[in-house]
Amino acid sequence: MNGGVEIILERMKTHPDEFVIGSPISYDSKWGSFLREIIDAEYFNEAEKEAVLIAIREANRENFTGRVMQRLAGEDEPTGAQGKLFLDQAIGMDMGGQSRIHSSPANNDLANTGRHIYAHAEALRALKGMIFK
């Protein structure tokens, strides 16, 4: 494997903050031009390209897990009006407060489930505040 590719792969592991992670792949980072070159240039073989794509995929997966954990801990959770908008969108309300979902027992269950989840999130947020005082 090319030495430069090995360095990039190792750098992605040790300094992920230097890479803009996302899907589709973003090349807007300190190392973005090198990532693009590895993926696009004919002089890198398929194994090198695949190794970089796998590393990017794994970084995206780790980023996703981190965001889920932050939301679970209430650190990145919509609150106040934003939280209500999030809930309303989740249960099918438009911006004017009108339902986008026709009434049915299944849809009422969905709305109740959304409210139930939101209530649990609020309780977890309160509990976190009591624990980490």
C-alpha atoms as a PDB file:
ATOM      1  CA  MET A   1       0.000   0.000   0.000  1.00  0.00           C
ATOM      2  CA  ASN A   2       1.157   3.523  -0.756  1.00  0.00           C
ATOM      3  CA  GLY A   3       2.879   5.187   2.222  1.00  0.00           C
ATOM      4  CA  GLY A   4       0.804   8.354   1.910  1.00  0.00           C
ATOM      5  CA  VAL A   5      -2.439   6.367   1.963  1.00  0.00           C
ATOM      6  CA  GLU A   6      -1.268   4.553   5.100  1.00  0.00           C
ATOM      7  CA  ILE A   7      -0.517   7.905   6.753  1.00  0.00           C
ATOM      8  CA  ILE A   8      -3.989   9.253   5.841  1.00  0.00           C
ATOM      9  CA  LEU A   9      -5.660   6.098   7.180  1.00  0.00           C
ATOM     10  CA  GLU A  10      -3.769   6.311  10.457  1.00  0.00           C
ATOM     11  CA  ARG A  11      -4.472  10.051  10.733  1.00  0.00           C
ATOM     12  CA  MET A  12      -8.195   9.372  10.328  1.00  0.00           C
ATOM     13  CA  LYS A  13      -8.004   7.071  13.363  1.00  0.00           C
ATOM     14  CA  THR A  14      -5.961   9.397  15.564  1.00  0.00           C
ATOM     15  CA  HIS A  15      -7.299  12.806  14.502  1.00  0.00           C
ATOM     16  CA  PRO A  16     -10.859  12.342  13.174  1.00  0.00           C
ATOM     17  CA  ASP A  17     -11.592  16.013  13.875  1.00  0.00           C
ATOM     18  CA  GLU A  18      -9.329  16.909  10.939  1.00  0.00           C
ATOM     19  CA  PHE A  19     -11.709  15.161   8.539  1.00  0.00           C
ATOM     20  CA  VAL A  20     -15.196  16.337   7.642  1.00  0.00           C
ATOM     21  CA  ILE A  21     -17.247  13.199   7.994  1.00  0.00           C
ATOM     22  CA  GLY A  22     -20.577  12.805   6.248  1.00  0.00           C
ATOM     23  CA  SER A  23     -22.544  11.170   3.537  1.00  0.00           C
ATOM     24  CA  PRO A  24     -22.030  11.815   0.729  1.00  0.00           C
ATOM     25  CA  ILE A  25     -18.284  12.101   1.257  1.00  0.00           C
ATOM     26  CA  SER A  26     -17.213  15.670   1.942  1.00  0.00           C
ATOM     27  CA  TYR A  27     -13.799  16.758   0.743  1.00  0.00           C
ATOM     28  CA  ASP A  28     -13.969  20.072   2.615  1.00  0.00           C
ATOM     29  CA  SER A  29     -11.317  19.454   5.245  1.00  0.00           C
ATOM     30  CA  LYS A  30      -7.611  19.770   5.877  1.00  0.00           C
ATOM     31  CA  TRP A  31      -7.068  16.413   4.164  1.00  0.00           C
ATOM     32  CA  GLY A  32      -9.978  16.564   1.709  1.00  0.00           C
ATOM     33  CA  SER A  33      -7.895  17.149  -1.399  1.00  0.00           C
ATOM     34  CA  PHE A  34      -5.832  14.052  -0.576  1.00  0.00           C
ATOM     35  CA  LEU A  35      -8.956  11.952  -0.033  1.00  0.00           C
ATOM     36  CA  ARG A  36     -10.325  13.114  -3.385  1.00  0.00           C
ATOM     37  CA  GLU A  37      -7.022  12.331  -5.080  1.00  0.00           C
ATOM     38  CA  ILE A  38      -6.919   8.827  -3.626  1.00  0.00           C
ATOM     39  CA  ILE A  39     -10.497   8.098  -4.689  1.00  0.00           C
ATOM     40  CA  ASP A  40     -10.272   9.704  -8.159  1.00  0.00           C
ATOM     41  CA  ALA A  41      -6.701   9.150  -9.353  1.00  0.00           C
ATOM     42  CA  GLU A  42      -5.880   6.203 -11.580  1.00  0.00           C
ATOM     43  CA  TYR A  43      -2.480   5.660  -9.971  1.00  0.00           C
ATOM     44  CA  PHE A  44      -4.007   4.385  -6.717  1.00  0.00           C
ATOM     45  CA  ASN A  45      -5.142   0.788  -6.866  1.00  0.00           C
ATOM     46  CA  GLU A  46      -8.570  -0.509  -5.915  1.00  0.00           C
ATOM     47  CA  ALA A  47      -7.331  -1.883  -2.572  1.00  0.00           C
ATOM     48  CA  GLU A  48      -6.059   1.569  -1.537  1.00  0.00           C
ATOM     49  CA  LYS A  49      -9.288   3.248  -2.641  1.00  0.00           C
ATOM     50  CA  GLU A  50     -11.379   0.649  -0.839  1.00  0.00           C
ATOM     51  CA  ALA A  51      -9.333   1.043   2.366  1.00  0.00           C
ATOM     52  CA  VAL A  52     -10.021   4.791   2.352  1.00  0.00           C
ATOM     53  CA  LEU A  53     -13.730   4.288   1.634  1.00  0.00           C
ATOM     54  CA  ILE A  54     -13.968   1.745   4.467  1.00  0.00           C
ATOM     55  CA  ALA A  55     -12.210   4.161   6.844  1.00  0.00           C
ATOM     56  CA  ILE A  56     -14.628   6.936   5.870  1.00  0.00           C
ATOM     57  CA  ARG A  57     -17.582   4.571   6.322  1.00  0.00           C
ATOM     58  CA  GLU A  58     -16.338   3.520   9.767  1.00  0.00           C
ATOM     59  CA  ALA A  59     -15.781   7.144  10.776  1.00  0.00           C
ATOM     60  CA  ASN A  60     -19.367   7.913   9.706  1.00  0.00           C
ATOM     61  CA  ARG A  61     -20.625   4.974  11.758  1.00  0.00           C
ATOM     62  CA  GLU A  62     -18.681   6.142  14.834  1.00  0.00           C
ATOM     63  CA  ASN A  63     -19.946   9.686  14.315  1.00  0.00           C
ATOM     64  CA  PHE A  64     -23.522   8.375  14.138  1.00  0.00           C
ATOM     65  CA  THR A  65     -23.108   6.372  17.359  1.00  0.00           C
ATOM     66  CA  GLY A  66     -21.680   9.432  19.102  1.00  0.00           C
ATOM     67  CA  ARG A  67     -24.635  11.571  18.009  1.00  0.00           C
ATOM     68  CA  VAL A  68     -27.114   8.926  19.197  1.00  0.00           C
ATOM     69  CA  MET A  69     -25.364   8.760  22.579  1.00  0.00           C
ATOM     70  CA  GLN A  70     -25.425  12.569  22.868  1.00  0.00           C
ATOM     71  CA  ARG A  71     -29.149  12.601  22.091  1.00  0.00           C
ATOM     72  CA  LEU A  72     -29.742   9.778  24.571  1.00  0.00           C
ATOM     73  CA  ALA A  73     -27.903  11.751  27.249  1.00  0.00           C
ATOM     74  CA  GLY A  74     -29.947  14.839  26.365  1.00  0.00           C
ATOM     75  CA  GLU A  75     -26.882  16.814  25.287  1.00  0.00           C
ATOM     76  CA  ASP A  76     -28.035  17.301  21.699  1.00  0.00           C
ATOM     77  CA  GLU A  77     -31.787  17.134  22.101  1.00  0.00           C
ATOM     78  CA  PRO A  78     -34.240  19.659  20.715  1.00  0.00           C
ATOM     79  CA  THR A  79     -35.834  21.614  23.549  1.00  0.00           C
ATOM     80  CA  GLY A  80     -38.564  24.197  23.954  1.00  0.00           C
ATOM     81  CA  ALA A  81     -40.209  25.325  20.728  1.00  0.00           C
ATOM     82  CA  GLN A  82     -37.686  23.338  18.705  1.00  0.00           C
ATOM     83  CA  GLY A  83     -38.522  20.209  20.699  1.00  0.00           C
ATOM     84  CA  LYS A  84     -42.239  20.752  20.181  1.00  0.00           C
ATOM     85  CA  LEU A  85     -41.684  21.211  16.447  1.00  0.00           C
ATOM     86  CA  PHE A  86     -39.619  18.004  16.433  1.00  0.00           C
ATOM     87  CA  LEU A  87     -42.419  16.142  18.229  1.00  0.00           C
ATOM     88  CA  ASP A  88     -45.128  17.632  16.019  1.00  0.00           C
ATOM     89  CA  GLN A  89     -43.244  16.608  12.895  1.00  0.00           C
ATOM     90  CA  ALA A  90     -42.678  13.144  14.319  1.00  0.00           C
ATOM     91  CA  ILE A  91     -46.399  12.653  14.970  1.00  0.00           C
ATOM     92  CA  GLY A  92     -47.534  14.241  11.718  1.00  0.00           C
ATOM     93  CA  MET A  93     -48.513  17.846  12.512  1.00  0.00           C
ATOM     94  CA  ASP A  94     -47.836  20.617  10.033  1.00  0.00           C
ATOM     95  CA  MET A  95     -46.499  24.066  10.939  1.00  0.00           C
ATOM     96  CA  GLY A  96     -50.044  25.364  11.564  1.00  0.00           C
ATOM     97  CA  GLY A  97     -50.817  22.597  14.065  1.00  0.00           C
ATOM     98  CA  GLN A  98     -53.033  20.704  11.625  1.00  0.00           C
ATOM     99  CA  SER A  99     -52.675  16.952  11.355  1.00  0.00           C
ATOM    100  CA  ARG A 100     -51.159  15.636   8.142  1.00  0.00           C
ATOM    101  CA  ILE A 101     -52.279  12.134   9.103  1.00  0.00           C
ATOM    102  CA  HIS A 102     -55.867  10.994   8.670  1.00  0.00           C
ATOM    103  CA  SER A 103     -57.373   9.843  11.938  1.00  0.00           C
ATOM    104  CA  SER A 104     -57.202   6.117  12.484  1.00  0.00           C
ATOM    105  CA  PRO A 105     -56.510   3.887  15.468  1.00  0.00           C
ATOM    106  CA  ALA A 106     -53.019   3.142  14.136  1.00  0.00           C
ATOM    107  CA  ASN A 107     -52.222   6.821  13.629  1.00  0.00           C
ATOM    108  CA  ASN A 108     -53.584   7.702  17.065  1.00  0.00           C
ATOM    109  CA  ASP A 109     -51.283   5.033  18.496  1.00  0.00           C
ATOM    110  CA  LEU A 110     -48.384   6.637  16.613  1.00  0.00           C
ATOM    111  CA  ALA A 111     -49.205  10.062  18.043  1.00  0.00           C
ATOM    112  CA  ASN A 112     -49.513   8.623  21.543  1.00  0.00           C
ATOM    113  CA  THR A 113     -46.211   6.782  21.126  1.00  0.00           C
ATOM    114  CA  GLY A 114     -44.520  10.016  20.032  1.00  0.00           C
ATOM    115  CA  ARG A 115     -45.859  11.844  23.075  1.00  0.00           C
ATOM    116  CA  HIS A 116     -44.812   8.932  25.296  1.00  0.00           C
ATOM    117  CA  ILE A 117     -41.254   8.984  23.933  1.00  0.00           C
ATOM    118  CA  TYR A 118     -41.084  12.758  24.348  1.00  0.00           C
ATOM    119  CA  ALA A 119     -42.239  12.444  27.972  1.00  0.00           C
ATOM    120  CA  HIS A 120     -39.508   9.886  28.620  1.00  0.00           C
ATOM    121  CA  ALA A 121     -36.924  12.173  27.055  1.00  0.00           C
ATOM    122  CA  GLU A 122     -38.057  15.015  29.310  1.00  0.00           C
ATOM    123  CA  ALA A 123     -37.828  12.729  32.356  1.00  0.00           C
ATOM    124  CA  LEU A 124     -34.317  11.613  31.363  1.00  0.00           C
ATOM    125  CA  ARG A 125     -33.260  15.235  30.907  1.00  0.00           C
ATOM    126  CA  ALA A 126     -34.554  16.084  34.396  1.00  0.00           C
ATOM    127  CA  LEU A 127     -32.853  13.026  35.881  1.00  0.00           C
ATOM    128  CA  LYS A 128     -29.570  13.962  34.207  1.00  0.00           C
ATOM    129  CA  GLY A 129     -29.845  17.421  35.786  1.00  0.00           C
ATOM    130  CA  MET A 130     -30.306  15.908  39.243  1.00  0.00           C
ATOM    131  CA  ILE A 131     -27.405  13.463  38.853  1.00  0.00           C
ATOM    132  CA  PHE A 132     -24.828  15.878  37.444  1.00  0.00           C
ATOM    133  CA  LYS A 133     -25.397  18.842  39.794  1.00  0.00           C
END
